[in-house]
Every structure is written in C-alpha cells, then in structure tokens.
Amino acid sequence: MAFFSNNLKNINVGFEHLMWGFWDRDAQVQQKLKEKLIKNWRVFIKTYNRIKPFDHCLIQIAKTGNIHAVAVIKSTQFDDQTLIWPLEIQRGKVYYPWRVEFSLIICSEKPILRRFIKIESYIDGYGLAEVSPTDLTDVLNALSKSPELKIKAK
C-alpha cells in the first residue's frame, strides 16, 4: 500500500502516534475535495478493508514523489475521534477518523527515495493506493542507504 500526504509535518505526526488517518467522507471541506470524497468513497472503503495486519506501506508526499517512511500495519478499521493532525488541532474537529495503526515505522526527514510511483489504483481525495512489490523492494533497498532514520515500534 501507499499512503500519501501533502507535507512532511503530517508524516512526522503519523510517526509520533504510530498511525495514519484518512479523510471522513462527510468532512466539511472545499467543494472540489468534497466531490472527490463522495465520488471515490466505495473504492476507498473496499481498498481500506483490504489493509491487513503485517502489510507494509510507503508514505509519500504526493506532489514531490518523495518517500519519507515505510511502516508495518498493526491494526486497521477503527474510527478514532482524537485530534492529532495539524488541521484537526487548528480547527478543533476530526477530519481523518479512518485510522490505521502501525506496529513499526521507519521515517526520514530526507527522502528515502525520490520516485513518483506509477499507481493505477490511486484513490483521489483519500491518498491511498496499492503499490507493486517491485516499488516496495526498491524502497526497502534504499533504506540501507539512508543515513538518518528514525524508528519507532509498539
């Protein structure tokens, strides 16, 4: 799997909390994003429900192609109303309640790998996609060349 973010700050929050969150379909957001969330809801839920413990995921900044983290899924499919993401704290409301918990995350301030992963299954609005085993292997190999890694496990 690949999870996408707008910025490194969100990736660091995911690292600190050992989790990732996805948009609430009913979030009060800009109309363009709202339309994407509604349109892609069914595909998101089907993909989200396929995420299982021990799956690996890459976490990438969507606009740059920079991959900053690799994580192992601990648990999925839980709704968490805790405010943890910067947007949630700023507005005092949960926007990403669809959470995935990590058992392990390896993160770097500098990109582990710079690559726009070719993703045919990208779910627009939710920042979720499936990745090929080759892309995952390339990122795992790049970890050995990354000098400043942070590791957190539960």
Protein backbone atom coordinates (compact mmCIF):
# COMPACT_ATOMS: atom_id res chain seq x y z
CA MET A 1 0.00 0.00 0.00
CA ALA A 2 0.96 3.61 -0.37
CA PHE A 3 -0.37 6.42 1.78
CA PHE A 4 0.01 9.98 0.52
CA SER A 5 0.40 13.25 2.39
CA ASN A 6 0.54 16.92 1.46
CA ASN A 7 3.55 17.53 3.68
CA LEU A 8 6.28 16.13 5.89
CA LYS A 9 4.66 17.52 9.04
CA ASN A 10 1.76 15.04 8.71
CA ILE A 11 4.22 12.19 8.17
CA ASN A 12 6.02 13.17 11.37
CA VAL A 13 2.71 13.23 13.27
CA GLY A 14 1.97 9.74 11.93
CA PHE A 15 5.41 8.66 13.14
CA GLU A 16 4.88 10.09 16.63
CA HIS A 17 1.45 8.47 17.02
CA LEU A 18 2.24 5.25 15.11
CA MET A 19 -0.82 5.72 12.92
CA TRP A 20 -2.24 7.13 9.72
CA GLY A 21 -5.63 8.66 9.08
CA PHE A 22 -7.88 9.03 6.06
CA TRP A 23 -10.49 11.69 5.28
CA ASP A 24 -14.03 11.43 6.55
CA ARG A 25 -16.37 11.41 3.57
CA ASP A 26 -18.68 13.81 5.37
CA ALA A 27 -15.97 16.31 6.36
CA GLN A 28 -16.79 19.97 5.89
CA VAL A 29 -14.18 20.78 3.23
CA GLN A 30 -13.85 22.67 -0.04
CA GLN A 31 -16.40 21.66 -2.67
CA LYS A 32 -13.82 20.20 -5.08
CA LEU A 33 -12.39 17.87 -2.40
CA LYS A 34 -15.90 17.02 -1.14
CA GLU A 35 -16.87 15.85 -4.63
CA LYS A 36 -13.79 13.59 -4.81
CA LEU A 37 -14.52 12.12 -1.38
CA ILE A 38 -18.11 11.31 -2.29
CA LYS A 39 -17.23 10.00 -5.77
CA ASN A 40 -14.46 7.70 -4.54
CA TRP A 41 -16.00 6.55 -1.26
CA ARG A 42 -16.88 3.00 -2.36
CA VAL A 43 -13.45 2.36 -3.87
CA PHE A 44 -11.78 3.77 -0.76
CA ILE A 45 -13.78 1.54 1.60
CA LYS A 46 -13.08 -1.57 -0.50
CA THR A 47 -9.35 -0.82 -0.51
CA TYR A 48 -9.26 0.23 3.15
CA ASN A 49 -10.97 -3.04 4.13
CA ARG A 50 -8.21 -5.00 2.34
CA ILE A 51 -5.48 -3.49 4.54
CA LYS A 52 -4.43 -6.20 6.97
CA PRO A 53 -2.02 -6.53 9.90
CA PHE A 54 1.59 -7.07 8.76
CA ASP A 55 1.00 -5.31 5.41
CA HIS A 56 3.74 -2.85 4.50
CA CYS A 57 3.05 0.68 3.36
CA LEU A 58 5.06 3.51 1.88
CA ILE A 59 4.28 7.06 2.91
CA GLN A 60 4.94 9.61 0.21
CA ILE A 61 4.48 13.34 -0.29
CA ALA A 62 2.03 13.40 -3.17
CA LYS A 63 3.29 16.44 -5.09
CA THR A 64 7.03 15.72 -4.87
CA GLY A 65 7.24 11.94 -5.14
CA ASN A 66 9.46 11.89 -2.04
CA ILE A 67 9.01 8.75 0.04
CA HIS A 68 9.75 9.55 3.68
CA ALA A 69 8.51 6.49 5.56
CA VAL A 70 7.87 2.78 5.47
CA ALA A 71 5.53 1.21 8.01
CA VAL A 72 4.12 -2.15 9.03
CA ILE A 73 0.39 -2.25 9.76
CA LYS A 74 -0.66 -3.39 13.24
CA SER A 75 -4.41 -2.90 13.08
CA THR A 76 -6.98 -1.34 10.80
CA GLN A 77 -10.59 -0.41 10.56
CA PHE A 78 -11.05 1.72 13.60
CA ASP A 79 -12.67 5.10 13.98
CA ASP A 80 -10.69 7.42 16.24
CA GLN A 81 -12.01 10.82 17.28
CA THR A 82 -8.71 12.02 18.80
CA LEU A 83 -7.42 15.30 17.37
CA ILE A 84 -3.83 14.60 16.27
CA TRP A 85 -3.29 16.02 12.78
CA PRO A 86 -2.36 19.72 12.44
CA LEU A 87 -5.57 20.56 10.52
CA GLU A 88 -7.66 18.89 13.23
CA ILE A 89 -5.91 20.71 16.05
CA GLN A 90 -6.15 24.03 14.20
CA ARG A 91 -9.90 23.68 13.58
CA GLY A 92 -10.85 21.66 16.67
CA LYS A 93 -12.52 18.92 14.62
CA VAL A 94 -11.62 15.39 13.45
CA TYR A 95 -11.07 15.21 9.69
CA TYR A 96 -9.21 11.88 9.44
CA PRO A 97 -11.14 9.38 11.59
CA TRP A 98 -10.43 6.32 9.42
CA ARG A 99 -7.24 5.20 11.12
CA VAL A 100 -4.60 2.57 10.60
CA GLU A 101 -2.23 1.73 13.46
CA PHE A 102 1.42 0.87 12.84
CA SER A 103 3.48 -1.69 14.75
CA LEU A 104 6.66 -0.23 13.22
CA ILE A 105 7.51 2.89 11.25
CA ILE A 106 10.83 3.92 9.77
CA CYS A 107 10.94 7.57 8.87
CA SER A 108 13.42 10.08 7.48
CA GLU A 109 13.37 13.88 7.25
CA LYS A 110 15.23 13.50 3.97
CA PRO A 111 13.59 11.39 1.27
CA ILE A 112 14.35 7.68 1.46
CA LEU A 113 13.70 7.55 -2.27
CA ARG A 114 12.57 10.14 -4.79
CA ARG A 115 10.19 8.50 -7.18
CA PHE A 116 6.71 9.05 -8.47
CA ILE A 117 5.38 5.56 -8.09
CA LYS A 118 3.27 4.57 -11.05
CA ILE A 119 -0.07 3.97 -9.45
CA GLU A 120 -3.07 2.90 -11.42
CA SER A 121 -5.19 2.31 -8.35
CA TYR A 122 -4.72 5.74 -6.71
CA ILE A 123 -7.87 6.82 -4.88
CA ASP A 124 -8.13 10.55 -5.43
CA GLY A 125 -9.10 12.54 -2.36
CA TYR A 126 -8.15 9.77 0.07
CA GLY A 127 -4.44 9.45 -0.77
CA LEU A 128 -4.45 5.67 -0.80
CA ALA A 129 -3.21 3.19 -3.40
CA GLU A 130 -1.77 -0.23 -3.88
CA VAL A 131 1.90 -0.45 -4.92
CA SER A 132 3.81 -3.08 -6.81
CA PRO A 133 6.16 -5.48 -4.99
CA THR A 134 8.99 -4.02 -7.11
CA ASP A 135 8.38 -0.49 -5.79
CA LEU A 136 8.26 -1.78 -2.22
CA THR A 137 11.51 -3.70 -2.72
CA ASP A 138 13.22 -0.61 -4.19
CA VAL A 139 12.20 1.48 -1.18
CA LEU A 140 13.32 -1.20 1.28
CA ASN A 141 16.70 -1.39 -0.51
CA ALA A 142 17.00 2.42 -0.37
CA LEU A 143 16.59 2.28 3.43
CA SER A 144 20.09 0.83 3.75
CA LYS A 145 21.49 3.95 2.08
CA SER A 146 19.52 6.39 4.23
CA PRO A 147 21.83 7.73 6.96
CA GLU A 148 19.33 9.47 9.24
CA LEU A 149 16.46 7.14 10.00
CA LYS A 150 14.07 7.36 12.93
CA ILE A 151 12.49 4.10 14.04
CA LYS A 152 9.51 3.70 16.31
CA ALA A 153 7.76 0.47 17.26
CA LYS A 154 4.97 -0.70 19.52
